[in-house]
């Protein structure tokens, strides 16, 4: 039987409490749907930025730069 991985939650530090309070205030979180919307906003931008960086690295230049090879 395979061993199941279990995520262990770390202690809620003062810094984490401050981050959570800031997110609640920034996104006016009152419901579970508000939390989902905030996470979608935060993670969506992060993933998009990561994908663009990967593409820039793959191509060797940024999206807004011109290639030195005009074809």
PDB file of N, CA and C in Angstrom:
ATOM      1  N   UNK A   1       0.843  -1.176   0.000  1.00  0.00           N
ATOM      2  CA  UNK A   1       0.000   0.000   0.000  1.00  0.00           C
ATOM      3  C   UNK A   1       0.890   1.241   0.000  1.00  0.00           C
ATOM      4  N   UNK A   2       0.574   2.218  -0.857  1.00  0.00           N
ATOM      5  CA  UNK A   2       1.372   3.436  -0.964  1.00  0.00           C
ATOM      6  C   UNK A   2       1.117   4.344   0.243  1.00  0.00           C
ATOM      7  N   UNK A   3       2.193   4.990   0.669  1.00  0.00           N
ATOM      8  CA  UNK A   3       2.092   5.920   1.784  1.00  0.00           C
ATOM      9  C   UNK A   3       1.540   7.251   1.282  1.00  0.00           C
ATOM     10  N   UNK A   4       0.560   7.789   1.948  1.00  0.00           N
ATOM     11  CA  UNK A   4      -0.067   9.041   1.548  1.00  0.00           C
ATOM     12  C   UNK A   4       0.722  10.219   2.116  1.00  0.00           C
ATOM     13  N   UNK A   5       1.004  11.215   1.256  1.00  0.00           N
ATOM     14  CA  UNK A   5       1.689  12.422   1.711  1.00  0.00           C
ATOM     15  C   UNK A   5       0.714  13.299   2.473  1.00  0.00           C
ATOM     16  N   UNK A   6       1.133  13.772   3.615  1.00  0.00           N
ATOM     17  CA  UNK A   6       0.293  14.621   4.444  1.00  0.00           C
ATOM     18  C   UNK A   6       0.995  15.965   4.613  1.00  0.00           C
ATOM     19  N   UNK A   7       0.291  17.041   4.285  1.00  0.00           N
ATOM     20  CA  UNK A   7       0.838  18.381   4.446  1.00  0.00           C
ATOM     21  C   UNK A   7       0.663  18.814   5.893  1.00  0.00           C
ATOM     22  N   UNK A   8       1.758  19.220   6.503  1.00  0.00           N
ATOM     23  CA  UNK A   8       1.711  19.693   7.886  1.00  0.00           C
ATOM     24  C   UNK A   8       1.689  21.215   7.893  1.00  0.00           C
ATOM     25  N   UNK A   9       0.699  21.773   8.546  1.00  0.00           N
ATOM     26  CA  UNK A   9       0.543  23.211   8.627  1.00  0.00           C
ATOM     27  C   UNK A   9       1.502  23.764   9.671  1.00  0.00           C
ATOM     28  N   UNK A  10       2.260  24.775   9.268  1.00  0.00           N
ATOM     29  CA  UNK A  10       3.196  25.415  10.187  1.00  0.00           C
ATOM     30  C   UNK A  10       2.465  26.386  11.095  1.00  0.00           C
ATOM     31  N   UNK A  11       3.178  26.913  12.066  1.00  0.00           N
ATOM     32  CA  UNK A  11       2.553  27.849  13.002  1.00  0.00           C
ATOM     33  C   UNK A  11       2.139  29.151  12.314  1.00  0.00           C
ATOM     34  N   UNK A  12       1.074  29.761  12.794  1.00  0.00           N
ATOM     35  CA  UNK A  12       0.607  31.031  12.260  1.00  0.00           C
ATOM     36  C   UNK A  12       1.396  32.151  12.941  1.00  0.00           C
ATOM     37  N   UNK A  13       2.450  32.571  12.266  1.00  0.00           N
ATOM     38  CA  UNK A  13       3.337  33.589  12.811  1.00  0.00           C
ATOM     39  C   UNK A  13       2.702  34.978  12.702  1.00  0.00           C
ATOM     40  N   UNK A  14       3.295  35.925  13.354  1.00  0.00           N
ATOM     41  CA  UNK A  14       2.810  37.307  13.295  1.00  0.00           C
ATOM     42  C   UNK A  14       2.871  37.834  11.864  1.00  0.00           C
ATOM     43  N   UNK A  15       3.923  37.488  11.148  1.00  0.00           N
ATOM     44  CA  UNK A  15       4.055  37.909   9.749  1.00  0.00           C
ATOM     45  C   UNK A  15       2.946  37.352   8.883  1.00  0.00           C
ATOM     46  N   UNK A  16       2.616  36.076   9.076  1.00  0.00           N
ATOM     47  CA  UNK A  16       1.520  35.456   8.315  1.00  0.00           C
ATOM     48  C   UNK A  16       0.201  36.119   8.664  1.00  0.00           C
ATOM     49  N   UNK A  17      -0.012  36.420   9.938  1.00  0.00           N
ATOM     50  CA  UNK A  17      -1.240  37.100  10.357  1.00  0.00           C
ATOM     51  C   UNK A  17      -1.368  38.458   9.678  1.00  0.00           C
ATOM     52  N   UNK A  18      -0.262  39.184   9.571  1.00  0.00           N
ATOM     53  CA  UNK A  18      -0.270  40.491   8.918  1.00  0.00           C
ATOM     54  C   UNK A  18      -0.590  40.372   7.430  1.00  0.00           C
ATOM     55  N   UNK A  19      -0.033  39.353   6.769  1.00  0.00           N
ATOM     56  CA  UNK A  19      -0.310  39.131   5.350  1.00  0.00           C
ATOM     57  C   UNK A  19      -1.786  38.818   5.146  1.00  0.00           C
ATOM     58  N   UNK A  20      -2.327  37.945   5.983  1.00  0.00           N
ATOM     59  CA  UNK A  20      -3.743  37.571   5.878  1.00  0.00           C
ATOM     60  C   UNK A  20      -4.629  38.789   6.107  1.00  0.00           C
ATOM     61  N   UNK A  21      -4.311  39.587   7.104  1.00  0.00           N
ATOM     62  CA  UNK A  21      -5.104  40.789   7.386  1.00  0.00           C
ATOM     63  C   UNK A  21      -5.055  41.758   6.206  1.00  0.00           C
ATOM     64  N   UNK A  22      -3.887  41.897   5.599  1.00  0.00           N
ATOM     65  CA  UNK A  22      -3.755  42.782   4.437  1.00  0.00           C
ATOM     66  C   UNK A  22      -4.574  42.278   3.256  1.00  0.00           C
ATOM     67  N   UNK A  23      -4.554  40.967   3.026  1.00  0.00           N
ATOM     68  CA  UNK A  23      -5.335  40.397   1.924  1.00  0.00           C
ATOM     69  C   UNK A  23      -6.826  40.556   2.159  1.00  0.00           C
ATOM     70  N   UNK A  24      -7.263  40.348   3.394  1.00  0.00           N
ATOM     71  CA  UNK A  24      -8.688  40.509   3.726  1.00  0.00           C
ATOM     72  C   UNK A  24      -9.121  41.948   3.464  1.00  0.00           C
ATOM     73  N   UNK A  25      -8.274  42.883   3.839  1.00  0.00           N
ATOM     74  CA  UNK A  25      -8.601  44.297   3.624  1.00  0.00           C
ATOM     75  C   UNK A  25      -8.536  44.659   2.141  1.00  0.00           C
ATOM     76  N   UNK A  26      -7.495  44.237   1.452  1.00  0.00           N
ATOM     77  CA  UNK A  26      -7.305  44.576   0.035  1.00  0.00           C
ATOM     78  C   UNK A  26      -8.432  44.042  -0.841  1.00  0.00           C
ATOM     79  N   UNK A  27      -8.848  42.804  -0.598  1.00  0.00           N
ATOM     80  CA  UNK A  27      -9.859  42.165  -1.436  1.00  0.00           C
ATOM     81  C   UNK A  27     -11.255  42.195  -0.828  1.00  0.00           C
ATOM     82  N   UNK A  28     -11.413  42.849   0.313  1.00  0.00           N
ATOM     83  CA  UNK A  28     -12.713  42.953   0.991  1.00  0.00           C
ATOM     84  C   UNK A  28     -13.351  41.570   1.126  1.00  0.00           C
ATOM     85  N   UNK A  29     -12.591  40.649   1.689  1.00  0.00           N
ATOM     86  CA  UNK A  29     -13.015  39.251   1.789  1.00  0.00           C
ATOM     87  C   UNK A  29     -14.035  39.081   2.910  1.00  0.00           C
ATOM     88  N   UNK A  30     -15.196  38.519   2.510  1.00  0.00           N
ATOM     89  CA  UNK A  30     -16.246  38.214   3.479  1.00  0.00           C
ATOM     90  C   UNK A  30     -16.777  36.795   3.314  1.00  0.00           C
ATOM     91  N   UNK A  31     -16.593  36.199   2.142  1.00  0.00           N
ATOM     92  CA  UNK A  31     -17.139  34.872   1.872  1.00  0.00           C
ATOM     93  C   UNK A  31     -16.062  33.966   1.264  1.00  0.00           C
ATOM     94  N   UNK A  32     -16.394  32.679   1.170  1.00  0.00           N
ATOM     95  CA  UNK A  32     -15.482  31.718   0.532  1.00  0.00           C
ATOM     96  C   UNK A  32     -15.286  32.086  -0.938  1.00  0.00           C
ATOM     97  N   UNK A  33     -16.325  32.594  -1.587  1.00  0.00           N
ATOM     98  CA  UNK A  33     -16.214  33.014  -2.990  1.00  0.00           C
ATOM     99  C   UNK A  33     -15.238  34.189  -3.123  1.00  0.00           C
ATOM    100  N   UNK A  34     -15.248  35.096  -2.158  1.00  0.00           N
ATOM    101  CA  UNK A  34     -14.291  36.213  -2.158  1.00  0.00           C
ATOM    102  C   UNK A  34     -12.859  35.689  -2.074  1.00  0.00           C
ATOM    103  N   UNK A  35     -12.648  34.661  -1.269  1.00  0.00           N
ATOM    104  CA  UNK A  35     -11.329  34.058  -1.143  1.00  0.00           C
ATOM    105  C   UNK A  35     -10.905  33.453  -2.477  1.00  0.00           C
ATOM    106  N   UNK A  36     -11.826  32.739  -3.129  1.00  0.00           N
ATOM    107  CA  UNK A  36     -11.525  32.139  -4.433  1.00  0.00           C
ATOM    108  C   UNK A  36     -11.169  33.208  -5.461  1.00  0.00           C
ATOM    109  N   UNK A  37     -11.909  34.296  -5.474  1.00  0.00           N
ATOM    110  CA  UNK A  37     -11.637  35.389  -6.414  1.00  0.00           C
ATOM    111  C   UNK A  37     -10.263  36.011  -6.155  1.00  0.00           C
ATOM    112  N   UNK A  38      -9.940  36.211  -4.882  1.00  0.00           N
ATOM    113  CA  UNK A  38      -8.641  36.789  -4.528  1.00  0.00           C
ATOM    114  C   UNK A  38      -7.503  35.861  -4.951  1.00  0.00           C
ATOM    115  N   UNK A  39      -7.650  34.570  -4.679  1.00  0.00           N
ATOM    116  CA  UNK A  39      -6.620  33.610  -5.076  1.00  0.00           C
ATOM    117  C   UNK A  39      -6.483  33.541  -6.588  1.00  0.00           C
ATOM    118  N   UNK A  40      -7.592  33.566  -7.295  1.00  0.00           N
ATOM    119  CA  UNK A  40      -7.567  33.555  -8.763  1.00  0.00           C
ATOM    120  C   UNK A  40      -6.800  34.777  -9.275  1.00  0.00           C
ATOM    121  N   UNK A  41      -7.066  35.930  -8.690  1.00  0.00           N
ATOM    122  CA  UNK A  41      -6.387  37.159  -9.090  1.00  0.00           C
ATOM    123  C   UNK A  41      -4.885  37.075  -8.808  1.00  0.00           C
ATOM    124  N   UNK A  42      -4.547  36.659  -7.602  1.00  0.00           N
ATOM    125  CA  UNK A  42      -3.135  36.580  -7.207  1.00  0.00           C
ATOM    126  C   UNK A  42      -2.375  35.525  -7.996  1.00  0.00           C
ATOM    127  N   UNK A  43      -2.925  34.328  -8.084  1.00  0.00           N
ATOM    128  CA  UNK A  43      -2.233  33.240  -8.763  1.00  0.00           C
ATOM    129  C   UNK A  43      -2.248  33.415 -10.272  1.00  0.00           C
ATOM    130  N   UNK A  44      -3.321  33.968 -10.812  1.00  0.00           N
ATOM    131  CA  UNK A  44      -3.398  34.189 -12.253  1.00  0.00           C
ATOM    132  C   UNK A  44      -2.290  35.098 -12.734  1.00  0.00           C
ATOM    133  N   UNK A  45      -2.082  36.199 -12.039  1.00  0.00           N
ATOM    134  CA  UNK A  45      -1.017  37.133 -12.401  1.00  0.00           C
ATOM    135  C   UNK A  45       0.360  36.517 -12.229  1.00  0.00           C
ATOM    136  N   UNK A  46       0.523  35.745 -11.175  1.00  0.00           N
ATOM    137  CA  UNK A  46       1.805  35.094 -10.913  1.00  0.00           C
ATOM    138  C   UNK A  46       2.121  34.070 -11.992  1.00  0.00           C
ATOM    139  N   UNK A  47       1.147  33.243 -12.337  1.00  0.00           N
ATOM    140  CA  UNK A  47       1.360  32.216 -13.357  1.00  0.00           C
ATOM    141  C   UNK A  47       1.623  32.862 -14.712  1.00  0.00           C
ATOM    142  N   UNK A  48       0.893  33.909 -15.049  1.00  0.00           N
ATOM    143  CA  UNK A  48       1.114  34.604 -16.317  1.00  0.00           C
ATOM    144  C   UNK A  48       2.535  35.165 -16.383  1.00  0.00           C
ATOM    145  N   UNK A  49       2.978  35.777 -15.311  1.00  0.00           N
ATOM    146  CA  UNK A  49       4.330  36.330 -15.254  1.00  0.00           C
ATOM    147  C   UNK A  49       5.389  35.230 -15.402  1.00  0.00           C
ATOM    148  N   UNK A  50       5.156  34.102 -14.740  1.00  0.00           N
ATOM    149  CA  UNK A  50       6.095  32.989 -14.836  1.00  0.00           C
ATOM    150  C   UNK A  50       6.148  32.443 -16.262  1.00  0.00           C
ATOM    151  N   UNK A  51       5.001  32.294 -16.904  1.00  0.00           N
ATOM    152  CA  UNK A  51       4.954  31.784 -18.272  1.00  0.00           C
ATOM    153  C   UNK A  51       5.647  32.738 -19.238  1.00  0.00           C
ATOM    154  N   UNK A  52       5.438  34.039 -19.065  1.00  0.00           N
ATOM    155  CA  UNK A  52       6.092  35.018 -19.929  1.00  0.00           C
ATOM    156  C   UNK A  52       7.607  34.976 -19.745  1.00  0.00           C
ATOM    157  N   UNK A  53       8.060  34.815 -18.503  1.00  0.00           N
ATOM    158  CA  UNK A  53       9.501  34.716 -18.246  1.00  0.00           C
ATOM    159  C   UNK A  53      10.092  33.474 -18.890  1.00  0.00           C
ATOM    160  N   UNK A  54       9.374  32.360 -18.802  1.00  0.00           N
ATOM    161  CA  UNK A  54       9.828  31.122 -19.436  1.00  0.00           C
ATOM    162  C   UNK A  54       9.931  31.292 -20.950  1.00  0.00           C
ATOM    163  N   UNK A  55       8.950  31.955 -21.543  1.00  0.00           N
ATOM    164  CA  UNK A  55       8.961  32.170 -22.997  1.00  0.00           C
ATOM    165  C   UNK A  55      10.098  33.108 -23.394  1.00  0.00           C
ATOM    166  N   UNK A  56      10.305  34.175 -22.608  1.00  0.00           N
ATOM    167  CA  UNK A  56      11.421  35.081 -22.878  1.00  0.00           C
ATOM    168  C   UNK A  56      12.745  34.336 -22.830  1.00  0.00           C
ATOM    169  N   UNK A  57      12.894  33.482 -21.839  1.00  0.00           N
ATOM    170  CA  UNK A  57      14.117  32.696 -21.696  1.00  0.00           C
ATOM    171  C   UNK A  57      14.280  31.744 -22.878  1.00  0.00           C
ATOM    172  N   UNK A  58      13.203  31.125 -23.291  1.00  0.00           N
ATOM    173  CA  UNK A  58      13.234  30.185 -24.410  1.00  0.00           C
ATOM    174  C   UNK A  58      13.586  30.890 -25.724  1.00  0.00           C
ATOM    175  N   UNK A  59      12.980  32.065 -25.955  1.00  0.00           N
ATOM    176  CA  UNK A  59      13.220  32.802 -27.188  1.00  0.00           C
ATOM    177  C   UNK A  59      14.540  33.561 -27.171  1.00  0.00           C
ATOM    178  N   UNK A  60      14.968  33.941 -25.989  1.00  0.00           N
ATOM    179  CA  UNK A  60      16.212  34.706 -25.862  1.00  0.00           C
ATOM    180  C   UNK A  60      16.001  36.206 -25.888  1.00  0.00           C
ATOM    181  N   UNK A  61      14.746  36.650 -25.915  1.00  0.00           N
ATOM    182  CA  UNK A  61      14.448  38.081 -25.867  1.00  0.00           C
ATOM    183  C   UNK A  61      13.035  38.274 -25.332  1.00  0.00           C
ATOM    184  N   UNK A  62      12.746  39.489 -24.844  1.00  0.00           N
ATOM    185  CA  UNK A  62      11.434  39.792 -24.269  1.00  0.00           C
ATOM    186  C   UNK A  62      10.384  39.963 -25.346  1.00  0.00           C
ATOM    187  N   UNK A  63       9.131  39.892 -24.948  1.00  0.00           N
ATOM    188  CA  UNK A  63       8.007  40.021 -25.870  1.00  0.00           C
ATOM    189  C   UNK A  63       8.062  41.343 -26.630  1.00  0.00           C
ATOM    190  N   UNK A  64       8.459  42.418 -25.958  1.00  0.00           N
ATOM    191  CA  UNK A  64       8.456  43.726 -26.579  1.00  0.00           C
ATOM    192  C   UNK A  64       9.747  44.050 -27.346  1.00  0.00           C
ATOM    193  N   UNK A  65      10.756  43.180 -27.255  1.00  0.00           N
ATOM    194  CA  UNK A  65      12.018  43.405 -27.974  1.00  0.00           C
ATOM    195  C   UNK A  65      11.941  42.800 -29.358  1.00  0.00           C
ATOM    196  N   UNK A  66      12.746  43.370 -30.253  1.00  0.00           N
ATOM    197  CA  UNK A  66      12.843  42.808 -31.599  1.00  0.00           C
ATOM    198  C   UNK A  66      13.993  41.820 -31.653  1.00  0.00           C
ATOM    199  N   UNK A  67      13.815  40.833 -32.435  1.00  0.00           N
ATOM    200  CA  UNK A  67      14.867  39.847 -32.644  1.00  0.00           C
ATOM    201  C   UNK A  67      15.964  40.459 -33.514  1.00  0.00           C
ATOM    202  N   UNK A  68      17.206  40.031 -33.312  1.00  0.00           N
ATOM    203  CA  UNK A  68      18.307  40.516 -34.140  1.00  0.00           C
ATOM    204  C   UNK A  68      18.292  39.826 -35.507  1.00  0.00           C
ATOM    205  N   UNK A  69      17.441  38.809 -35.665  1.00  0.00           N
ATOM    206  CA  UNK A  69      17.326  38.081 -36.911  1.00  0.00           C
ATOM    207  C   UNK A  69      16.027  38.495 -37.594  1.00  0.00           C
ATOM    208  N   UNK A  70      16.074  39.372 -38.634  1.00  0.00           N
ATOM    209  CA  UNK A  70      14.839  39.890 -39.230  1.00  0.00           C
ATOM    210  C   UNK A  70      14.083  38.880 -40.079  1.00  0.00           C
ATOM    211  N   UNK A  71      14.687  37.743 -40.426  1.00  0.00           N
ATOM    212  CA  UNK A  71      14.080  36.707 -41.290  1.00  0.00           C
ATOM    213  C   UNK A  71      13.754  37.283 -42.613  1.00  0.00           C
TER     214      UNK A  71
END
